[in-house]
N, C-alpha and C. Protein backbone atom coordinates (compact mmCIF):
# COMPACT_ATOMS: atom_id res chain seq x y z
N MET A 1 4.04 17.27 -12.49
CA MET A 1 4.56 15.99 -12.77
C MET A 1 3.75 15.38 -13.97
N PRO A 2 4.19 15.67 -15.18
CA PRO A 2 3.39 15.27 -16.37
C PRO A 2 3.17 13.77 -16.59
N ASN A 3 4.02 12.91 -16.10
CA ASN A 3 3.86 11.51 -16.28
C ASN A 3 3.40 10.72 -15.05
N SER A 4 2.80 11.45 -14.12
CA SER A 4 2.25 10.79 -12.96
C SER A 4 0.97 9.98 -13.35
N PRO A 5 0.72 8.98 -12.52
CA PRO A 5 -0.47 8.19 -12.83
C PRO A 5 -1.79 8.99 -12.91
N ILE A 6 -1.86 10.06 -12.11
CA ILE A 6 -3.05 10.92 -12.23
C ILE A 6 -3.08 11.65 -13.58
N SER A 7 -1.91 12.16 -13.99
CA SER A 7 -1.88 12.91 -15.28
C SER A 7 -2.16 11.93 -16.38
N GLN A 8 -1.63 10.71 -16.34
CA GLN A 8 -1.93 9.75 -17.38
C GLN A 8 -3.43 9.39 -17.44
N MET A 9 -4.02 9.28 -16.27
CA MET A 9 -5.47 8.98 -16.20
C MET A 9 -6.31 10.07 -16.83
N LEU A 10 -5.90 11.34 -16.56
CA LEU A 10 -6.67 12.40 -17.09
C LEU A 10 -6.57 12.51 -18.63
N GLU A 11 -5.37 12.22 -19.17
CA GLU A 11 -5.16 12.18 -20.59
C GLU A 11 -5.98 11.07 -21.19
N ALA A 12 -6.06 9.90 -20.57
CA ALA A 12 -6.89 8.82 -21.05
C ALA A 12 -8.41 9.16 -21.11
N TRP A 13 -8.85 9.80 -19.94
CA TRP A 13 -10.24 10.25 -19.86
C TRP A 13 -10.54 11.24 -20.97
N ASP A 14 -9.64 12.13 -21.32
CA ASP A 14 -9.84 13.14 -22.34
C ASP A 14 -10.09 12.42 -23.73
N LYS A 15 -9.57 11.22 -23.84
CA LYS A 15 -9.76 10.43 -25.06
C LYS A 15 -10.85 9.43 -24.92
N HIS A 16 -11.54 9.51 -23.79
CA HIS A 16 -12.72 8.63 -23.48
C HIS A 16 -12.20 7.14 -23.35
N LEU A 17 -10.98 6.98 -22.79
CA LEU A 17 -10.41 5.69 -22.57
C LEU A 17 -10.37 5.48 -21.10
N VAL A 18 -10.67 4.30 -20.66
CA VAL A 18 -10.66 3.93 -19.19
C VAL A 18 -9.97 2.57 -19.13
N GLU A 19 -9.15 2.43 -18.02
CA GLU A 19 -8.58 1.11 -17.80
C GLU A 19 -9.49 0.24 -17.09
N HIS A 20 -9.74 -0.98 -17.57
CA HIS A 20 -10.51 -1.87 -16.94
C HIS A 20 -9.72 -3.10 -16.44
N HIS A 21 -9.84 -3.35 -15.15
CA HIS A 21 -9.15 -4.51 -14.55
C HIS A 21 -10.25 -5.30 -13.89
N PRO A 22 -9.91 -6.59 -13.46
CA PRO A 22 -10.88 -7.35 -12.80
C PRO A 22 -11.26 -6.53 -11.53
N GLN A 23 -12.60 -6.52 -11.34
CA GLN A 23 -13.06 -5.61 -10.23
C GLN A 23 -13.73 -6.47 -9.12
N VAL A 24 -13.71 -5.81 -7.93
CA VAL A 24 -14.41 -6.37 -6.77
C VAL A 24 -15.32 -5.22 -6.27
N SER A 25 -16.53 -5.55 -5.93
CA SER A 25 -17.41 -4.51 -5.37
C SER A 25 -17.01 -4.23 -3.94
N TYR A 26 -16.95 -2.92 -3.61
CA TYR A 26 -16.51 -2.49 -2.31
C TYR A 26 -17.34 -1.28 -1.93
N GLU A 27 -18.08 -1.36 -0.88
CA GLU A 27 -18.91 -0.25 -0.45
C GLU A 27 -18.24 0.66 0.47
N ILE A 28 -18.23 1.97 0.18
CA ILE A 28 -17.61 2.98 1.02
C ILE A 28 -18.46 4.15 1.15
N ASP A 29 -18.37 4.92 2.23
CA ASP A 29 -18.98 6.20 2.41
C ASP A 29 -18.07 7.25 1.83
N VAL A 30 -18.73 8.22 1.12
CA VAL A 30 -17.90 9.29 0.48
C VAL A 30 -18.52 10.60 0.99
N CYS A 31 -17.61 11.50 1.27
CA CYS A 31 -17.93 12.90 1.70
C CYS A 31 -18.81 13.53 0.62
N ARG A 32 -19.85 14.26 1.01
CA ARG A 32 -20.79 14.84 0.12
C ARG A 32 -20.03 15.79 -0.92
N ASP A 33 -19.07 16.55 -0.47
CA ASP A 33 -18.39 17.45 -1.37
C ASP A 33 -17.65 16.63 -2.46
N ASP A 34 -17.08 15.47 -2.07
CA ASP A 34 -16.47 14.57 -3.03
C ASP A 34 -17.47 13.92 -3.98
N VAL A 35 -18.65 13.68 -3.53
CA VAL A 35 -19.67 13.15 -4.45
C VAL A 35 -19.93 14.15 -5.58
N PHE A 36 -20.00 15.50 -5.23
CA PHE A 36 -20.21 16.43 -6.33
C PHE A 36 -19.04 16.49 -7.27
N LYS A 37 -17.77 16.35 -6.78
CA LYS A 37 -16.66 16.34 -7.61
C LYS A 37 -16.63 15.09 -8.53
N LEU A 38 -16.98 13.97 -7.93
CA LEU A 38 -17.00 12.72 -8.75
C LEU A 38 -18.03 12.85 -9.87
N GLU A 39 -19.22 13.31 -9.54
CA GLU A 39 -20.30 13.48 -10.54
C GLU A 39 -19.94 14.45 -11.56
N ALA A 40 -19.22 15.57 -11.16
CA ALA A 40 -18.81 16.61 -12.09
C ALA A 40 -17.78 16.01 -13.14
N LEU A 41 -16.83 15.21 -12.58
CA LEU A 41 -15.85 14.59 -13.42
C LEU A 41 -16.56 13.55 -14.44
N ALA A 42 -17.47 12.85 -13.97
CA ALA A 42 -18.18 11.87 -14.83
C ALA A 42 -18.94 12.66 -15.95
N GLU A 43 -19.58 13.69 -15.62
CA GLU A 43 -20.34 14.53 -16.57
C GLU A 43 -19.36 15.16 -17.55
N LEU A 44 -18.30 15.81 -17.03
CA LEU A 44 -17.29 16.49 -17.88
C LEU A 44 -16.63 15.56 -18.85
N TYR A 45 -16.20 14.39 -18.42
CA TYR A 45 -15.56 13.42 -19.37
C TYR A 45 -16.54 12.46 -20.01
N GLN A 46 -17.80 12.59 -19.75
CA GLN A 46 -18.81 11.69 -20.24
C GLN A 46 -18.50 10.25 -20.07
N LEU A 47 -18.09 9.84 -18.89
CA LEU A 47 -17.77 8.49 -18.50
C LEU A 47 -18.63 8.05 -17.35
N PRO A 48 -18.92 6.80 -17.22
CA PRO A 48 -19.67 6.30 -16.14
C PRO A 48 -19.01 6.64 -14.75
N LEU A 49 -19.82 6.96 -13.83
CA LEU A 49 -19.35 7.36 -12.49
C LEU A 49 -18.45 6.19 -11.86
N GLU A 50 -18.89 4.99 -12.07
CA GLU A 50 -18.14 3.86 -11.50
C GLU A 50 -16.76 3.70 -12.09
N ASP A 51 -16.63 4.06 -13.39
CA ASP A 51 -15.23 4.10 -14.02
C ASP A 51 -14.41 5.20 -13.45
N ILE A 52 -15.05 6.37 -13.28
CA ILE A 52 -14.25 7.51 -12.67
C ILE A 52 -13.72 7.09 -11.36
N ILE A 53 -14.62 6.54 -10.47
CA ILE A 53 -14.19 6.18 -9.11
C ILE A 53 -13.08 5.11 -9.18
N ALA A 54 -13.30 4.08 -9.96
CA ALA A 54 -12.32 2.97 -9.99
C ALA A 54 -10.97 3.48 -10.54
N ASN A 55 -10.99 4.36 -11.58
CA ASN A 55 -9.76 4.86 -12.12
C ASN A 55 -9.03 5.80 -11.13
N LEU A 56 -9.81 6.58 -10.44
CA LEU A 56 -9.20 7.46 -9.43
C LEU A 56 -8.50 6.70 -8.28
N ILE A 57 -9.19 5.65 -7.84
CA ILE A 57 -8.63 4.84 -6.79
C ILE A 57 -7.28 4.15 -7.31
N SER A 58 -7.37 3.56 -8.50
CA SER A 58 -6.21 2.88 -9.07
C SER A 58 -5.09 3.81 -9.28
N SER A 59 -5.31 4.96 -9.88
CA SER A 59 -4.30 5.93 -10.20
C SER A 59 -3.66 6.52 -8.90
N SER A 60 -4.53 6.79 -7.95
CA SER A 60 -4.05 7.34 -6.64
C SER A 60 -3.12 6.36 -5.95
N LEU A 61 -3.55 5.05 -5.97
CA LEU A 61 -2.69 4.05 -5.30
C LEU A 61 -1.40 3.88 -5.97
N LYS A 62 -1.41 3.97 -7.32
CA LYS A 62 -0.07 3.86 -8.07
C LYS A 62 0.83 5.01 -7.63
N GLU A 63 0.19 6.18 -7.55
CA GLU A 63 1.00 7.39 -7.21
C GLU A 63 1.49 7.33 -5.72
N VAL A 64 0.69 6.76 -4.84
CA VAL A 64 1.13 6.54 -3.47
C VAL A 64 2.33 5.60 -3.39
N GLU A 65 2.16 4.49 -4.21
CA GLU A 65 3.33 3.60 -4.17
C GLU A 65 4.60 4.23 -4.65
N GLN A 66 4.46 5.10 -5.76
CA GLN A 66 5.63 5.82 -6.26
C GLN A 66 6.21 6.77 -5.30
N LYS A 67 5.40 7.38 -4.44
CA LYS A 67 5.89 8.47 -3.61
C LYS A 67 6.19 8.02 -2.24
N MET A 68 6.01 6.77 -1.87
CA MET A 68 6.41 6.31 -0.56
C MET A 68 7.84 6.60 -0.28
N PRO A 69 8.13 7.30 0.82
CA PRO A 69 9.58 7.74 0.96
C PRO A 69 10.47 6.55 1.30
N TYR A 70 11.65 6.67 0.78
CA TYR A 70 12.70 5.75 0.97
C TYR A 70 13.46 6.19 2.30
N LYS A 71 13.64 5.24 3.21
CA LYS A 71 14.36 5.58 4.45
C LYS A 71 15.60 4.69 4.49
N LYS A 72 16.75 5.33 4.40
CA LYS A 72 18.02 4.67 4.27
C LYS A 72 18.40 3.87 5.59
N GLY A 73 18.66 2.62 5.41
CA GLY A 73 19.08 1.77 6.55
C GLY A 73 20.57 1.75 6.56
N SER A 74 21.12 0.96 7.43
CA SER A 74 22.60 0.83 7.50
C SER A 74 23.23 -0.33 6.72
N LYS A 75 22.39 -1.28 6.23
CA LYS A 75 22.87 -2.42 5.55
C LYS A 75 22.92 -2.20 4.03
N VAL A 76 24.09 -2.47 3.45
CA VAL A 76 24.28 -2.34 2.01
C VAL A 76 23.68 -3.62 1.39
N ILE A 77 22.77 -3.40 0.39
CA ILE A 77 22.19 -4.55 -0.22
C ILE A 77 22.70 -4.87 -1.61
N ARG A 78 23.42 -3.93 -2.24
CA ARG A 78 24.09 -4.09 -3.44
C ARG A 78 24.98 -2.87 -3.81
N ILE A 79 25.76 -3.07 -4.77
CA ILE A 79 26.61 -1.96 -5.30
C ILE A 79 26.17 -1.70 -6.78
N GLU A 80 25.92 -0.47 -7.05
CA GLU A 80 25.54 -0.03 -8.42
C GLU A 80 26.47 1.01 -8.86
N GLU A 81 27.17 0.75 -9.97
CA GLU A 81 28.16 1.72 -10.57
C GLU A 81 29.13 2.16 -9.48
N GLY A 82 29.53 1.21 -8.59
CA GLY A 82 30.48 1.52 -7.53
C GLY A 82 30.01 2.20 -6.33
N ASP A 83 28.69 2.55 -6.27
CA ASP A 83 28.06 3.20 -5.15
C ASP A 83 27.21 2.14 -4.33
N PRO A 84 27.33 2.19 -3.03
CA PRO A 84 26.53 1.36 -2.21
C PRO A 84 25.02 1.73 -2.21
N ILE A 85 24.18 0.73 -2.30
CA ILE A 85 22.72 0.92 -2.19
C ILE A 85 22.31 0.32 -0.87
N TYR A 86 21.67 1.13 -0.05
CA TYR A 86 21.28 0.72 1.31
C TYR A 86 19.87 0.17 1.31
N GLU A 87 19.59 -0.71 2.27
CA GLU A 87 18.24 -1.21 2.38
C GLU A 87 17.26 -0.11 2.76
N ASP A 88 16.06 -0.23 2.38
CA ASP A 88 14.95 0.68 2.70
C ASP A 88 14.36 0.20 4.01
N ILE A 89 14.42 0.97 5.04
CA ILE A 89 13.80 0.60 6.36
C ILE A 89 12.50 1.43 6.62
N GLY A 90 12.02 2.03 5.49
CA GLY A 90 10.78 2.82 5.63
C GLY A 90 9.61 1.88 5.50
N TYR A 91 8.47 2.41 5.03
CA TYR A 91 7.19 1.69 4.92
C TYR A 91 7.17 0.81 3.67
N THR A 92 7.89 1.14 2.63
CA THR A 92 7.77 0.46 1.34
C THR A 92 8.02 -1.07 1.45
N PRO A 93 9.04 -1.54 2.01
CA PRO A 93 9.32 -2.95 2.11
C PRO A 93 8.16 -3.68 2.85
N ARG A 94 7.72 -3.13 3.90
CA ARG A 94 6.68 -3.79 4.67
C ARG A 94 5.33 -3.74 3.89
N TYR A 95 5.09 -2.65 3.24
CA TYR A 95 3.87 -2.51 2.35
C TYR A 95 3.90 -3.55 1.30
N LEU A 96 5.02 -3.72 0.62
CA LEU A 96 5.14 -4.71 -0.46
C LEU A 96 4.99 -6.13 0.06
N GLU A 97 5.50 -6.42 1.22
CA GLU A 97 5.42 -7.71 1.85
C GLU A 97 3.94 -8.02 2.16
N ILE A 98 3.20 -7.07 2.72
CA ILE A 98 1.84 -7.28 3.04
C ILE A 98 0.97 -7.41 1.75
N LYS A 99 1.27 -6.58 0.79
CA LYS A 99 0.53 -6.71 -0.49
C LYS A 99 0.77 -8.05 -1.18
N ARG A 100 2.00 -8.53 -1.15
CA ARG A 100 2.32 -9.84 -1.72
C ARG A 100 1.60 -10.94 -0.93
N ARG A 101 1.59 -10.88 0.36
CA ARG A 101 0.84 -11.87 1.14
C ARG A 101 -0.61 -11.84 0.81
N LEU A 102 -1.26 -10.70 0.74
CA LEU A 102 -2.65 -10.63 0.47
C LEU A 102 -2.93 -11.16 -0.97
N GLU A 103 -2.11 -10.89 -1.89
CA GLU A 103 -2.26 -11.42 -3.25
C GLU A 103 -2.20 -12.91 -3.22
N GLN A 104 -1.25 -13.50 -2.50
CA GLN A 104 -1.04 -15.00 -2.45
C GLN A 104 -2.22 -15.56 -1.83
N GLN A 105 -2.78 -14.92 -0.76
CA GLN A 105 -3.95 -15.45 -0.09
C GLN A 105 -5.14 -15.49 -1.03
N SER A 106 -5.32 -14.44 -1.79
CA SER A 106 -6.39 -14.33 -2.76
C SER A 106 -6.23 -15.33 -3.84
N GLN A 107 -5.07 -15.62 -4.29
CA GLN A 107 -4.81 -16.71 -5.31
C GLN A 107 -5.15 -18.11 -4.75
N LYS A 108 -4.79 -18.33 -3.51
CA LYS A 108 -5.09 -19.63 -2.89
C LYS A 108 -6.61 -19.87 -2.80
N LEU A 109 -7.32 -18.80 -2.40
CA LEU A 109 -8.83 -18.84 -2.25
C LEU A 109 -9.42 -19.10 -3.64
N ALA A 110 -8.89 -18.48 -4.71
CA ALA A 110 -9.49 -18.60 -6.04
C ALA A 110 -9.13 -19.88 -6.68
N GLY A 111 -7.90 -20.43 -6.30
CA GLY A 111 -7.30 -21.61 -6.92
C GLY A 111 -8.05 -22.86 -6.70
């Protein structure tokens, strides 16, 4: 998948480009084997370890969102080019609802 978020991230790293977004500090435990992989990537691409970790998380989450499976419901929500489009009763709608709620809560606290 040449245009996946992970592929795009690797291409950016090759050019020593990293995406910077507003960040929040978050402490996690990491498997020892993964630490070696993270440090190897940082050394290979000559980028700060923190940027490698942040970019990996961001790109992985984008890819998870893209690959969340669609589960066809029974309700037609619209017609496109004469074909019925059915509601998604899988995880995606609930995930998006939760994400939107968390973003709104965060904006209220910051506002």
